[in-house]
Amino acid sequence: MRYRVVAFDFDGTLADTFPFFVKVFNTLADAHGFRRVGKDEAESLRGKDAREVMKHVGLPLWKFPRVALQFKTMMAAEIEGITLFDGIADMLQTLHAHGVVLAIVSSNAESNVRRVLGPQAALISHYACGAALLGKRQHLRELLRHGPWRSSEMLYVGDELRDAEAARSEDVAFGAVAWGYTRFDALQAVGPQASFARVADIVAACTGPDTPDTQSGL
C-alpha cells in the first residue's frame, strides 16, 4: 500500500462549495468592511494564495476569524444545497475498504463537514476541523502524532496553495486536485507529489505500490 493515511481538505476538494463561496463573498465583504469582487475578478483570484486574496480585497488577518465564523454559519443555514463532487463517496468507500485511514483537515466546521459527507462521515477516523487561516500545519502535526505512522506514509489531498504549504511544512506528500478553488496550473507550479485530474485517480495513487516516481520529494 502506498499510503497508510490520507487526509483531505473539505471545501473545494471533497465538497463543491466554490459556488456558495462566490454567492456569499460580497455579503461578507459588506458586513466586515472589505472590498467586493465581481464574478470575473473572483475567477482571476483563483491563481492566488489565501494571503494574497486577503491583501487584494483589504481583509486584515485579525478580521479573518470573524469572517470565517460567519461563512461557516451561513453555510450551515444552506447546507442542504452543498454536495460532494461526483465520485467522492465511491472514492472514500474504496479507500476505506483497502484499509486506508481517512482524515479530514479543514478550516470548515466539523458539523458542516459531517452533514455534507452524510453516510460517508462514518468512514473518517480523524476530524481536524476549524483550522485558522494558517492552522492546517498544526492539524497535520497532531495527526502525525496521533497514530503509528510516519510522515512518508501520509498524503494530504487539497485544492489550495495553503494546503500545499502545510503539507510541505510537515514533510507530508501533497496531492493537488484539478476541480477546486485554486487553478490547477497554480497548484502544479508548487510541485505536488501527486496530481489528480479526476476523482478516480486518487484511489490508484493512494493504494498502488511504492515506485521511485511516487516517492519523489519524500
N, C-alpha and C. Protein backbone atom coordinates (compact mmCIF):
# COMPACT_ATOMS: atom_id res chain seq x y z
N MET A 1 0.84 -1.20 0.00
CA MET A 1 0.00 0.00 0.00
C MET A 1 0.87 1.25 0.00
N ARG A 2 0.54 2.20 -0.85
CA ARG A 2 1.36 3.42 -0.96
C ARG A 2 1.23 4.31 0.27
N TYR A 3 0.01 4.60 0.70
CA TYR A 3 -0.20 5.48 1.85
C TYR A 3 -1.07 4.78 2.89
N ARG A 4 -0.67 4.88 4.14
CA ARG A 4 -1.48 4.33 5.24
C ARG A 4 -2.57 5.32 5.65
N VAL A 5 -2.28 6.61 5.51
CA VAL A 5 -3.20 7.67 5.93
C VAL A 5 -3.39 8.65 4.79
N VAL A 6 -4.62 8.96 4.49
CA VAL A 6 -4.93 10.00 3.51
C VAL A 6 -5.82 11.03 4.19
N ALA A 7 -5.33 12.24 4.28
CA ALA A 7 -6.09 13.35 4.86
C ALA A 7 -6.61 14.23 3.72
N PHE A 8 -7.82 14.69 3.87
CA PHE A 8 -8.45 15.51 2.84
C PHE A 8 -8.83 16.88 3.38
N ASP A 9 -8.56 17.89 2.57
CA ASP A 9 -9.24 19.17 2.75
C ASP A 9 -10.71 18.93 2.40
N PHE A 10 -11.57 19.84 2.79
CA PHE A 10 -13.00 19.65 2.53
C PHE A 10 -13.53 20.56 1.43
N ASP A 11 -13.48 21.88 1.65
CA ASP A 11 -14.04 22.83 0.69
C ASP A 11 -13.24 22.82 -0.60
N GLY A 12 -13.89 22.51 -1.70
CA GLY A 12 -13.23 22.51 -2.99
C GLY A 12 -12.49 21.23 -3.31
N THR A 13 -12.35 20.34 -2.31
CA THR A 13 -11.67 19.07 -2.52
C THR A 13 -12.67 17.92 -2.49
N LEU A 14 -13.42 17.83 -1.42
CA LEU A 14 -14.49 16.83 -1.33
C LEU A 14 -15.85 17.42 -1.69
N ALA A 15 -16.08 18.65 -1.26
CA ALA A 15 -17.38 19.29 -1.46
C ALA A 15 -17.29 20.46 -2.42
N ASP A 16 -18.30 20.58 -3.24
CA ASP A 16 -18.35 21.65 -4.26
C ASP A 16 -18.91 22.92 -3.62
N THR A 17 -18.06 23.62 -2.87
CA THR A 17 -18.51 24.80 -2.14
C THR A 17 -18.12 26.12 -2.80
N PHE A 18 -17.38 26.08 -3.90
CA PHE A 18 -16.96 27.33 -4.53
C PHE A 18 -18.14 28.19 -4.99
N PRO A 19 -19.19 27.61 -5.61
CA PRO A 19 -20.34 28.44 -5.97
C PRO A 19 -20.96 29.14 -4.76
N PHE A 20 -21.03 28.45 -3.63
CA PHE A 20 -21.55 29.08 -2.42
C PHE A 20 -20.64 30.20 -1.96
N PHE A 21 -19.32 29.97 -2.01
CA PHE A 21 -18.35 30.98 -1.62
C PHE A 21 -18.53 32.25 -2.46
N VAL A 22 -18.66 32.08 -3.77
CA VAL A 22 -18.86 33.23 -4.66
C VAL A 22 -20.16 33.95 -4.32
N LYS A 23 -21.18 33.17 -4.03
CA LYS A 23 -22.51 33.72 -3.73
C LYS A 23 -22.49 34.61 -2.50
N VAL A 24 -21.77 34.22 -1.45
CA VAL A 24 -21.83 34.95 -0.18
C VAL A 24 -20.66 35.91 0.02
N PHE A 25 -19.68 35.89 -0.88
CA PHE A 25 -18.47 36.69 -0.66
C PHE A 25 -18.79 38.17 -0.46
N ASN A 26 -19.62 38.74 -1.33
CA ASN A 26 -19.89 40.17 -1.22
C ASN A 26 -20.74 40.52 -0.01
N THR A 27 -21.58 39.59 0.43
CA THR A 27 -22.31 39.79 1.67
C THR A 27 -21.35 39.89 2.85
N LEU A 28 -20.37 39.01 2.86
CA LEU A 28 -19.35 39.06 3.90
C LEU A 28 -18.51 40.33 3.79
N ALA A 29 -18.21 40.73 2.55
CA ALA A 29 -17.43 41.96 2.35
C ALA A 29 -18.16 43.17 2.93
N ASP A 30 -19.46 43.27 2.67
CA ASP A 30 -20.23 44.40 3.20
C ASP A 30 -20.30 44.36 4.72
N ALA A 31 -20.43 43.16 5.27
CA ALA A 31 -20.58 43.03 6.72
C ALA A 31 -19.28 43.34 7.47
N HIS A 32 -18.14 43.08 6.84
CA HIS A 32 -16.87 43.18 7.55
C HIS A 32 -15.94 44.25 6.98
N GLY A 33 -16.43 45.01 6.01
CA GLY A 33 -15.68 46.17 5.56
C GLY A 33 -14.49 45.91 4.67
N PHE A 34 -14.56 44.87 3.84
CA PHE A 34 -13.52 44.71 2.84
C PHE A 34 -14.15 44.80 1.45
N ARG A 35 -13.34 44.78 0.42
CA ARG A 35 -13.80 45.13 -0.91
C ARG A 35 -14.56 43.99 -1.58
N ARG A 36 -15.66 44.36 -2.25
CA ARG A 36 -16.41 43.40 -3.07
C ARG A 36 -15.60 43.01 -4.29
N VAL A 37 -15.94 41.86 -4.88
CA VAL A 37 -15.33 41.46 -6.15
C VAL A 37 -16.43 40.99 -7.09
N GLY A 38 -16.21 41.20 -8.38
CA GLY A 38 -17.13 40.71 -9.39
C GLY A 38 -16.82 39.27 -9.74
N LYS A 39 -17.69 38.64 -10.52
CA LYS A 39 -17.50 37.23 -10.87
C LYS A 39 -16.23 37.01 -11.66
N ASP A 40 -15.93 37.89 -12.61
CA ASP A 40 -14.71 37.74 -13.40
C ASP A 40 -13.48 37.90 -12.52
N GLU A 41 -13.54 38.83 -11.59
CA GLU A 41 -12.42 39.05 -10.68
C GLU A 41 -12.23 37.85 -9.76
N ALA A 42 -13.33 37.27 -9.31
CA ALA A 42 -13.25 36.09 -8.44
C ALA A 42 -12.52 34.96 -9.15
N GLU A 43 -12.78 34.81 -10.44
CA GLU A 43 -12.12 33.77 -11.21
C GLU A 43 -10.62 34.03 -11.29
N SER A 44 -10.21 35.28 -11.47
CA SER A 44 -8.78 35.60 -11.58
C SER A 44 -8.07 35.37 -10.25
N LEU A 45 -8.77 35.50 -9.14
CA LEU A 45 -8.17 35.32 -7.83
C LEU A 45 -7.88 33.85 -7.52
N ARG A 46 -8.39 32.95 -8.34
CA ARG A 46 -8.18 31.52 -8.11
C ARG A 46 -6.72 31.10 -8.33
N GLY A 47 -5.90 31.99 -8.86
CA GLY A 47 -4.49 31.68 -9.02
C GLY A 47 -3.63 32.17 -7.88
N LYS A 48 -4.24 32.79 -6.86
CA LYS A 48 -3.50 33.37 -5.75
C LYS A 48 -3.71 32.56 -4.48
N ASP A 49 -2.77 32.71 -3.52
CA ASP A 49 -2.97 32.04 -2.24
C ASP A 49 -3.87 32.89 -1.35
N ALA A 50 -4.25 32.33 -0.20
CA ALA A 50 -5.22 32.99 0.67
C ALA A 50 -4.76 34.35 1.14
N ARG A 51 -3.46 34.46 1.46
CA ARG A 51 -2.95 35.74 1.95
C ARG A 51 -2.97 36.80 0.86
N GLU A 52 -2.67 36.41 -0.38
CA GLU A 52 -2.72 37.35 -1.49
C GLU A 52 -4.14 37.82 -1.75
N VAL A 53 -5.10 36.91 -1.64
CA VAL A 53 -6.51 37.28 -1.84
C VAL A 53 -6.94 38.27 -0.76
N MET A 54 -6.57 37.99 0.48
CA MET A 54 -6.93 38.89 1.58
C MET A 54 -6.33 40.28 1.38
N LYS A 55 -5.09 40.33 0.94
CA LYS A 55 -4.45 41.62 0.68
C LYS A 55 -5.15 42.35 -0.46
N HIS A 56 -5.53 41.61 -1.48
CA HIS A 56 -6.17 42.20 -2.66
C HIS A 56 -7.49 42.88 -2.29
N VAL A 57 -8.26 42.26 -1.39
CA VAL A 57 -9.58 42.81 -1.05
C VAL A 57 -9.54 43.67 0.21
N GLY A 58 -8.37 43.80 0.83
CA GLY A 58 -8.27 44.63 2.02
C GLY A 58 -8.84 44.01 3.27
N LEU A 59 -8.68 42.69 3.41
CA LEU A 59 -9.15 41.98 4.60
C LEU A 59 -7.96 41.70 5.51
N PRO A 60 -7.82 42.39 6.63
CA PRO A 60 -6.69 42.15 7.54
C PRO A 60 -6.82 40.81 8.24
N LEU A 61 -5.69 40.25 8.60
CA LEU A 61 -5.67 38.93 9.21
C LEU A 61 -6.49 38.87 10.49
N TRP A 62 -6.49 39.96 11.26
CA TRP A 62 -7.20 39.94 12.54
C TRP A 62 -8.71 39.81 12.37
N LYS A 63 -9.21 40.20 11.19
CA LYS A 63 -10.64 40.08 10.94
C LYS A 63 -11.04 38.68 10.45
N PHE A 64 -10.06 37.92 9.99
CA PHE A 64 -10.39 36.65 9.34
C PHE A 64 -11.20 35.69 10.21
N PRO A 65 -10.88 35.51 11.50
CA PRO A 65 -11.68 34.56 12.30
C PRO A 65 -13.17 34.89 12.32
N ARG A 66 -13.50 36.18 12.41
CA ARG A 66 -14.92 36.57 12.42
C ARG A 66 -15.57 36.31 11.08
N VAL A 67 -14.84 36.60 10.00
CA VAL A 67 -15.37 36.35 8.66
C VAL A 67 -15.58 34.85 8.46
N ALA A 68 -14.60 34.06 8.85
CA ALA A 68 -14.70 32.61 8.70
C ALA A 68 -15.86 32.05 9.50
N LEU A 69 -16.07 32.57 10.70
CA LEU A 69 -17.18 32.09 11.54
C LEU A 69 -18.52 32.38 10.87
N GLN A 70 -18.67 33.59 10.32
CA GLN A 70 -19.92 33.90 9.66
C GLN A 70 -20.11 33.05 8.40
N PHE A 71 -19.03 32.80 7.67
CA PHE A 71 -19.10 31.94 6.49
C PHE A 71 -19.62 30.55 6.87
N LYS A 72 -19.08 29.98 7.93
CA LYS A 72 -19.50 28.65 8.37
C LYS A 72 -20.96 28.65 8.81
N THR A 73 -21.35 29.73 9.50
CA THR A 73 -22.74 29.83 9.96
C THR A 73 -23.70 29.94 8.77
N MET A 74 -23.32 30.74 7.77
CA MET A 74 -24.15 30.88 6.57
C MET A 74 -24.23 29.56 5.82
N MET A 75 -23.12 28.84 5.76
CA MET A 75 -23.16 27.54 5.09
C MET A 75 -24.06 26.56 5.82
N ALA A 76 -24.00 26.56 7.15
CA ALA A 76 -24.85 25.66 7.92
C ALA A 76 -26.33 25.90 7.62
N ALA A 77 -26.69 27.17 7.40
CA ALA A 77 -28.09 27.51 7.11
C ALA A 77 -28.53 27.03 5.74
N GLU A 78 -27.57 26.81 4.83
CA GLU A 78 -27.90 26.38 3.47
C GLU A 78 -27.22 25.05 3.13
N ILE A 79 -26.97 24.25 4.15
CA ILE A 79 -26.16 23.05 3.97
C ILE A 79 -26.79 22.05 3.01
N GLU A 80 -28.11 22.06 2.92
CA GLU A 80 -28.77 21.10 2.03
C GLU A 80 -28.42 21.35 0.56
N GLY A 81 -27.94 22.55 0.25
CA GLY A 81 -27.56 22.86 -1.12
C GLY A 81 -26.11 22.55 -1.44
N ILE A 82 -25.35 22.10 -0.46
CA ILE A 82 -23.94 21.76 -0.65
C ILE A 82 -23.82 20.27 -0.88
N THR A 83 -23.12 19.88 -1.93
CA THR A 83 -22.99 18.45 -2.25
C THR A 83 -21.53 18.07 -2.45
N LEU A 84 -21.26 16.78 -2.33
CA LEU A 84 -19.95 16.26 -2.67
C LEU A 84 -19.78 16.26 -4.18
N PHE A 85 -18.53 16.39 -4.62
CA PHE A 85 -18.26 16.23 -6.05
C PHE A 85 -18.60 14.80 -6.48
N ASP A 86 -18.94 14.64 -7.74
CA ASP A 86 -19.24 13.31 -8.26
C ASP A 86 -18.06 12.38 -8.05
N GLY A 87 -18.34 11.20 -7.55
CA GLY A 87 -17.31 10.19 -7.37
C GLY A 87 -16.63 10.20 -6.01
N ILE A 88 -16.83 11.25 -5.21
CA ILE A 88 -16.16 11.34 -3.92
C ILE A 88 -16.63 10.23 -2.97
N ALA A 89 -17.91 9.99 -2.90
CA ALA A 89 -18.42 8.96 -1.99
C ALA A 89 -17.82 7.59 -2.33
N ASP A 90 -17.82 7.24 -3.60
CA ASP A 90 -17.25 5.94 -4.01
C ASP A 90 -15.75 5.89 -3.71
N MET A 91 -15.06 6.99 -3.93
CA MET A 91 -13.62 7.03 -3.67
C MET A 91 -13.32 6.78 -2.20
N LEU A 92 -14.06 7.46 -1.31
CA LEU A 92 -13.84 7.28 0.12
C LEU A 92 -14.15 5.84 0.54
N GLN A 93 -15.22 5.29 0.01
CA GLN A 93 -15.58 3.91 0.34
C GLN A 93 -14.51 2.93 -0.11
N THR A 94 -13.95 3.15 -1.29
CA THR A 94 -12.92 2.26 -1.82
C THR A 94 -11.64 2.34 -1.00
N LEU A 95 -11.20 3.56 -0.67
CA LEU A 95 -10.01 3.70 0.16
C LEU A 95 -10.20 3.03 1.52
N HIS A 96 -11.35 3.24 2.12
CA HIS A 96 -11.64 2.63 3.42
C HIS A 96 -11.61 1.11 3.31
N ALA A 97 -12.16 0.56 2.24
CA ALA A 97 -12.17 -0.88 2.04
C ALA A 97 -10.76 -1.45 1.88
N HIS A 98 -9.84 -0.62 1.39
CA HIS A 98 -8.44 -1.02 1.23
C HIS A 98 -7.66 -0.88 2.54
N GLY A 99 -8.31 -0.42 3.59
CA GLY A 99 -7.64 -0.27 4.87
C GLY A 99 -6.91 1.04 5.06
N VAL A 100 -7.14 2.00 4.17
CA VAL A 100 -6.52 3.32 4.32
C VAL A 100 -7.22 4.09 5.44
N VAL A 101 -6.46 4.68 6.34
CA VAL A 101 -7.01 5.53 7.39
C VAL A 101 -7.35 6.88 6.78
N LEU A 102 -8.59 7.32 6.95
CA LEU A 102 -9.06 8.57 6.35
C LEU A 102 -9.19 9.66 7.40
N ALA A 103 -8.82 10.87 7.02
CA ALA A 103 -8.91 12.01 7.93
C ALA A 103 -9.38 13.23 7.16
N ILE A 104 -9.94 14.18 7.88
CA ILE A 104 -10.33 15.48 7.32
C ILE A 104 -9.54 16.56 8.06
N VAL A 105 -8.85 17.40 7.31
CA VAL A 105 -8.16 18.57 7.86
C VAL A 105 -8.73 19.78 7.14
N SER A 106 -9.56 20.54 7.82
CA SER A 106 -10.31 21.61 7.15
C SER A 106 -10.50 22.80 8.07
N SER A 107 -10.64 23.98 7.47
CA SER A 107 -10.98 25.17 8.25
C SER A 107 -12.49 25.30 8.45
N ASN A 108 -13.26 24.45 7.80
CA ASN A 108 -14.71 24.48 7.98
C ASN A 108 -15.09 23.81 9.30
N ALA A 109 -16.35 24.00 9.70
CA ALA A 109 -16.82 23.41 10.95
C ALA A 109 -17.05 21.92 10.77
N GLU A 110 -16.71 21.14 11.78
CA GLU A 110 -16.91 19.69 11.69
C GLU A 110 -18.37 19.35 11.46
N SER A 111 -19.28 20.10 12.06
CA SER A 111 -20.71 19.82 11.86
C SER A 111 -21.11 19.97 10.40
N ASN A 112 -20.57 21.00 9.72
CA ASN A 112 -20.85 21.17 8.29
C ASN A 112 -20.27 20.02 7.49
N VAL A 113 -19.04 19.65 7.80
CA VAL A 113 -18.37 18.58 7.08
C VAL A 113 -19.15 17.29 7.21
N ARG A 114 -19.55 16.94 8.41
CA ARG A 114 -20.27 15.68 8.64
C ARG A 114 -21.62 15.67 7.91
N ARG A 115 -22.30 16.80 7.92
CA ARG A 115 -23.62 16.84 7.28
C ARG A 115 -23.51 16.66 5.78
N VAL A 116 -22.50 17.24 5.17
CA VAL A 116 -22.34 17.09 3.72
C VAL A 116 -21.85 15.69 3.37
N LEU A 117 -20.97 15.13 4.18
CA LEU A 117 -20.49 13.78 3.93
C LEU A 117 -21.61 12.74 4.05
N GLY A 118 -22.56 12.99 4.92
CA GLY A 118 -23.66 12.05 5.08
C GLY A 118 -23.15 10.70 5.58
N PRO A 119 -23.58 9.60 4.98
CA PRO A 119 -23.15 8.27 5.43
C PRO A 119 -21.64 8.07 5.39
N GLN A 120 -20.97 8.82 4.52
CA GLN A 120 -19.51 8.68 4.41
C GLN A 120 -18.78 9.24 5.64
N ALA A 121 -19.48 10.01 6.47
CA ALA A 121 -18.84 10.57 7.67
C ALA A 121 -18.31 9.47 8.58
N ALA A 122 -18.98 8.33 8.57
CA ALA A 122 -18.56 7.21 9.43
C ALA A 122 -17.26 6.58 8.97
N LEU A 123 -16.84 6.84 7.74
CA LEU A 123 -15.60 6.28 7.21
C LEU A 123 -14.37 7.05 7.68
N ILE A 124 -14.58 8.25 8.20
CA ILE A 124 -13.47 9.14 8.58
C ILE A 124 -13.05 8.83 10.01
N SER A 125 -11.78 8.49 10.19
CA SER A 125 -11.26 8.14 11.51
C SER A 125 -10.89 9.36 12.34
N HIS A 126 -10.48 10.44 11.67
CA HIS A 126 -9.99 11.61 12.40
C HIS A 126 -10.52 12.88 11.74
N TYR A 127 -11.12 13.75 12.56
CA TYR A 127 -11.57 15.05 12.11
C TYR A 127 -10.72 16.12 12.79
N ALA A 128 -10.08 16.96 11.98
CA ALA A 128 -9.32 18.10 12.50
C ALA A 128 -9.86 19.33 11.78
N CYS A 129 -10.91 19.89 12.34
CA CYS A 129 -11.65 20.96 11.66
C CYS A 129 -11.56 22.27 12.43
N GLY A 130 -12.00 23.33 11.75
CA GLY A 130 -11.98 24.64 12.37
C GLY A 130 -10.62 25.28 12.41
N ALA A 131 -9.74 24.86 11.50
CA ALA A 131 -8.38 25.41 11.49
C ALA A 131 -8.41 26.90 11.16
N ALA A 132 -7.50 27.64 11.76
CA ALA A 132 -7.31 29.04 11.41
C ALA A 132 -6.76 29.12 10.00
N LEU A 133 -6.65 30.34 9.48
CA LEU A 133 -6.20 30.53 8.11
C LEU A 133 -4.92 29.76 7.83
N LEU A 134 -3.97 29.82 8.74
CA LEU A 134 -2.69 29.15 8.57
C LEU A 134 -2.52 28.02 9.60
N GLY A 135 -3.64 27.44 10.04
CA GLY A 135 -3.59 26.45 11.11
C GLY A 135 -3.58 25.01 10.66
N LYS A 136 -3.59 24.76 9.36
CA LYS A 136 -3.65 23.37 8.91
C LYS A 136 -2.36 22.62 9.21
N ARG A 137 -1.25 23.34 9.24
CA ARG A 137 0.02 22.69 9.58
C ARG A 137 -0.05 22.05 10.95
N GLN A 138 -0.62 22.77 11.92
CA GLN A 138 -0.73 22.24 13.28
C GLN A 138 -1.63 21.01 13.30
N HIS A 139 -2.71 21.04 12.55
CA HIS A 139 -3.61 19.88 12.50
C HIS A 139 -2.90 18.67 11.90
N LEU A 140 -2.11 18.87 10.85
CA LEU A 140 -1.37 17.76 10.27
C LEU A 140 -0.35 17.22 11.27
N ARG A 141 0.29 18.10 12.00
CA ARG A 141 1.27 17.68 13.00
C ARG A 141 0.60 16.82 14.08
N GLU A 142 -0.56 17.25 14.52
CA GLU A 142 -1.29 16.49 15.53
C GLU A 142 -1.72 15.13 14.99
N LEU A 143 -2.10 15.09 13.72
CA LEU A 143 -2.50 13.83 13.10
C LEU A 143 -1.31 12.87 13.04
N LEU A 144 -0.14 13.40 12.75
CA LEU A 144 1.07 12.57 12.73
C LEU A 144 1.38 12.01 14.11
N ARG A 145 1.13 12.79 15.13
CA ARG A 145 1.39 12.33 16.50
C ARG A 145 0.35 11.33 16.97
N HIS A 146 -0.82 11.37 16.36
CA HIS A 146 -1.95 10.58 16.85
C HIS A 146 -1.76 9.09 16.63
N GLY A 147 -1.16 8.70 15.50
CA GLY A 147 -1.12 7.29 15.17
C GLY A 147 0.27 6.76 14.89
N PRO A 148 0.37 5.47 14.69
CA PRO A 148 1.67 4.84 14.44
C PRO A 148 2.06 4.90 12.97
N TRP A 149 2.18 6.10 12.43
CA TRP A 149 2.58 6.24 11.04
C TRP A 149 3.56 7.39 10.89
N ARG A 150 4.38 7.27 9.88
CA ARG A 150 5.39 8.30 9.59
C ARG A 150 4.84 9.29 8.58
N SER A 151 5.49 10.43 8.48
CA SER A 151 5.05 11.45 7.52
C SER A 151 5.11 10.91 6.09
N SER A 152 6.05 10.01 5.80
CA SER A 152 6.17 9.44 4.46
C SER A 152 5.03 8.49 4.11
N GLU A 153 4.21 8.14 5.11
CA GLU A 153 3.07 7.25 4.89
C GLU A 153 1.75 8.01 4.78
N MET A 154 1.84 9.34 4.77
CA MET A 154 0.63 10.16 4.73
C MET A 154 0.59 11.02 3.48
N LEU A 155 -0.61 11.19 2.96
CA LEU A 155 -0.87 12.10 1.84
C LEU A 155 -1.95 13.08 2.25
N TYR A 156 -1.72 14.36 1.97
CA TYR A 156 -2.75 15.37 2.20
C TYR A 156 -3.26 15.85 0.85
N VAL A 157 -4.54 15.65 0.60
CA VAL A 157 -5.15 16.00 -0.68
C VAL A 157 -5.91 17.31 -0.52
N GLY A 158 -5.58 18.29 -1.35
CA GLY A 158 -6.22 19.59 -1.21
C GLY A 158 -6.28 20.37 -2.51
N ASP A 159 -6.88 21.55 -2.43
CA ASP A 159 -7.10 22.36 -3.63
C ASP A 159 -6.59 23.79 -3.48
N GLU A 160 -5.83 24.06 -2.39
CA GLU A 160 -5.35 25.41 -2.17
C GLU A 160 -3.84 25.41 -1.95
N LEU A 161 -3.24 26.55 -2.23
CA LEU A 161 -1.80 26.70 -2.03
C LEU A 161 -1.44 26.57 -0.55
N ARG A 162 -2.32 26.99 0.34
CA ARG A 162 -2.02 26.84 1.77
C ARG A 162 -2.05 25.37 2.18
N ASP A 163 -2.79 24.53 1.47
CA ASP A 163 -2.76 23.09 1.74
C ASP A 163 -1.39 22.53 1.39
N ALA A 164 -0.87 22.95 0.24
CA ALA A 164 0.46 22.51 -0.18
C ALA A 164 1.52 22.98 0.81
N GLU A 165 1.38 24.22 1.28
CA GLU A 165 2.35 24.78 2.22
C GLU A 165 2.33 24.03 3.55
N ALA A 166 1.12 23.70 4.04
CA ALA A 166 1.01 22.97 5.30
C ALA A 166 1.63 21.58 5.18
N ALA A 167 1.35 20.90 4.07
CA ALA A 167 1.92 19.56 3.87
C ALA A 167 3.43 19.61 3.80
N ARG A 168 3.96 20.55 3.06
CA ARG A 168 5.42 20.68 2.92
C ARG A 168 6.08 20.96 4.27
N SER A 169 5.44 21.77 5.09
CA SER A 169 5.99 22.13 6.39
C SER A 169 6.13 20.93 7.31
N GLU A 170 5.25 19.93 7.15
CA GLU A 170 5.30 18.74 7.98
C GLU A 170 5.88 17.53 7.26
N ASP A 171 6.50 17.76 6.10
CA ASP A 171 7.14 16.70 5.32
C ASP A 171 6.14 15.62 4.92
N VAL A 172 4.93 16.05 4.61
CA VAL A 172 3.86 15.16 4.16
C VAL A 172 3.65 15.38 2.66
N ALA A 173 3.43 14.30 1.92
CA ALA A 173 3.17 14.43 0.49
C ALA A 173 1.88 15.20 0.26
N PHE A 174 1.87 16.02 -0.79
CA PHE A 174 0.68 16.79 -1.14
C PHE A 174 0.13 16.31 -2.46
N GLY A 175 -1.18 16.09 -2.50
CA GLY A 175 -1.87 15.72 -3.72
C GLY A 175 -2.79 16.85 -4.15
N ALA A 176 -2.56 17.41 -5.33
CA ALA A 176 -3.33 18.55 -5.83
C ALA A 176 -4.49 18.08 -6.70
N VAL A 177 -5.67 18.64 -6.48
CA VAL A 177 -6.84 18.29 -7.29
C VAL A 177 -7.13 19.39 -8.30
N ALA A 178 -7.70 18.97 -9.42
CA ALA A 178 -7.93 19.89 -10.54
C ALA A 178 -9.27 20.60 -10.48
N TRP A 179 -10.12 20.24 -9.54
CA TRP A 179 -11.50 20.72 -9.57
C TRP A 179 -11.84 21.70 -8.44
N GLY A 180 -10.87 22.21 -7.72
CA GLY A 180 -11.17 23.02 -6.55
C GLY A 180 -11.08 24.51 -6.73
N TYR A 181 -10.82 25.22 -5.64
CA TYR A 181 -10.79 26.68 -5.62
C TYR A 181 -9.63 27.23 -6.45
N THR A 182 -8.44 26.68 -6.23
CA THR A 182 -7.24 27.21 -6.88
C THR A 182 -7.04 26.57 -8.25
N ARG A 183 -6.61 27.39 -9.21
CA ARG A 183 -6.37 26.86 -10.56
C ARG A 183 -5.33 25.75 -10.51
N PHE A 184 -5.53 24.74 -11.33
CA PHE A 184 -4.66 23.57 -11.32
C PHE A 184 -3.22 23.94 -11.69
N ASP A 185 -3.06 24.88 -12.62
CA ASP A 185 -1.70 25.26 -13.02
C ASP A 185 -0.95 25.92 -11.87
N ALA A 186 -1.66 26.67 -11.02
CA ALA A 186 -1.02 27.30 -9.87
C ALA A 186 -0.60 26.25 -8.85
N LEU A 187 -1.41 25.22 -8.67
CA LEU A 187 -1.05 24.14 -7.77
C LEU A 187 0.11 23.32 -8.32
N GLN A 188 0.11 23.09 -9.63
CA GLN A 188 1.19 22.34 -10.25
C GLN A 188 2.53 23.05 -10.10
N ALA A 189 2.49 24.36 -10.07
CA ALA A 189 3.72 25.16 -10.01
C ALA A 189 4.47 24.98 -8.69
N VAL A 190 3.79 24.51 -7.63
CA VAL A 190 4.46 24.34 -6.35
C VAL A 190 5.01 22.93 -6.17
N GLY A 191 4.88 22.09 -7.20
CA GLY A 191 5.49 20.77 -7.18
C GLY A 191 4.85 19.75 -6.27
N PRO A 192 3.55 19.47 -6.44
CA PRO A 192 2.90 18.45 -5.62
C PRO A 192 3.49 17.06 -5.91
N GLN A 193 3.44 16.18 -4.91
CA GLN A 193 3.92 14.81 -5.11
C GLN A 193 2.94 13.98 -5.94
N ALA A 194 1.69 14.42 -5.99
CA ALA A 194 0.67 13.74 -6.80
C ALA A 194 -0.28 14.80 -7.35
N SER A 195 -0.84 14.53 -8.53
CA SER A 195 -1.80 15.44 -9.16
C SER A 195 -2.98 14.62 -9.65
N PHE A 196 -4.17 15.10 -9.37
CA PHE A 196 -5.37 14.35 -9.69
C PHE A 196 -6.28 15.15 -10.61
N ALA A 197 -6.36 14.72 -11.86
CA ALA A 197 -7.26 15.36 -12.81
C ALA A 197 -8.69 14.88 -12.62
N ARG A 198 -8.84 13.67 -12.09
CA ARG A 198 -10.16 13.08 -11.84
C ARG A 198 -10.19 12.49 -10.44
N VAL A 199 -11.38 12.45 -9.86
CA VAL A 199 -11.54 11.85 -8.53
C VAL A 199 -11.06 10.41 -8.53
N ALA A 200 -11.35 9.68 -9.59
CA ALA A 200 -10.98 8.27 -9.66
C ALA A 200 -9.47 8.05 -9.59
N ASP A 201 -8.68 9.05 -9.95
CA ASP A 201 -7.22 8.91 -9.92
C ASP A 201 -6.67 8.78 -8.50
N ILE A 202 -7.43 9.24 -7.52
CA ILE A 202 -6.94 9.23 -6.14
C ILE A 202 -6.73 7.81 -5.63
N VAL A 203 -7.64 6.91 -5.97
CA VAL A 203 -7.55 5.55 -5.45
C VAL A 203 -6.27 4.87 -5.91
N ALA A 204 -5.96 4.96 -7.19
CA ALA A 204 -4.75 4.31 -7.70
C ALA A 204 -3.50 4.87 -7.05
N ALA A 205 -3.45 6.18 -6.86
CA ALA A 205 -2.26 6.81 -6.27
C ALA A 205 -2.10 6.45 -4.80
N CYS A 206 -3.21 6.25 -4.12
CA CYS A 206 -3.14 6.02 -2.67
C CYS A 206 -2.99 4.56 -2.30
N THR A 207 -3.30 3.64 -3.18
CA THR A 207 -3.26 2.22 -2.84
C THR A 207 -2.27 1.44 -3.68
N GLY A 208 -1.67 2.07 -4.69
CA GLY A 208 -0.74 1.37 -5.56
C GLY A 208 0.58 1.11 -4.88
N PRO A 209 1.46 0.32 -5.52
CA PRO A 209 2.77 0.01 -4.93
C PRO A 209 3.67 1.22 -4.93
N ASP A 210 4.66 1.19 -4.03
CA ASP A 210 5.67 2.24 -3.99
C ASP A 210 6.50 2.20 -5.27
N THR A 211 6.76 3.37 -5.83
CA THR A 211 7.62 3.46 -7.00
C THR A 211 8.55 4.64 -6.81
N PRO A 212 9.67 4.70 -7.54
CA PRO A 212 10.55 5.86 -7.41
C PRO A 212 9.84 7.18 -7.71
N ASP A 213 8.91 7.17 -8.68
CA ASP A 213 8.22 8.41 -9.04
C ASP A 213 7.32 8.89 -7.92
N THR A 214 6.55 7.97 -7.33
CA THR A 214 5.61 8.40 -6.30
C THR A 214 6.30 8.81 -5.04
N GLN A 215 7.56 8.41 -4.85
CA GLN A 215 8.26 8.76 -3.64
C GLN A 215 9.11 10.03 -3.80
N SER A 216 9.07 10.65 -4.95
CA SER A 216 9.90 11.84 -5.14
C SER A 216 9.49 12.92 -4.17
N GLY A 217 10.49 13.56 -3.59
CA GLY A 217 10.24 14.66 -2.66
C GLY A 217 10.01 14.23 -1.25
N LEU A 218 10.00 12.90 -0.96
CA LEU A 218 9.77 12.45 0.40
C LEU A 218 11.07 11.97 1.03
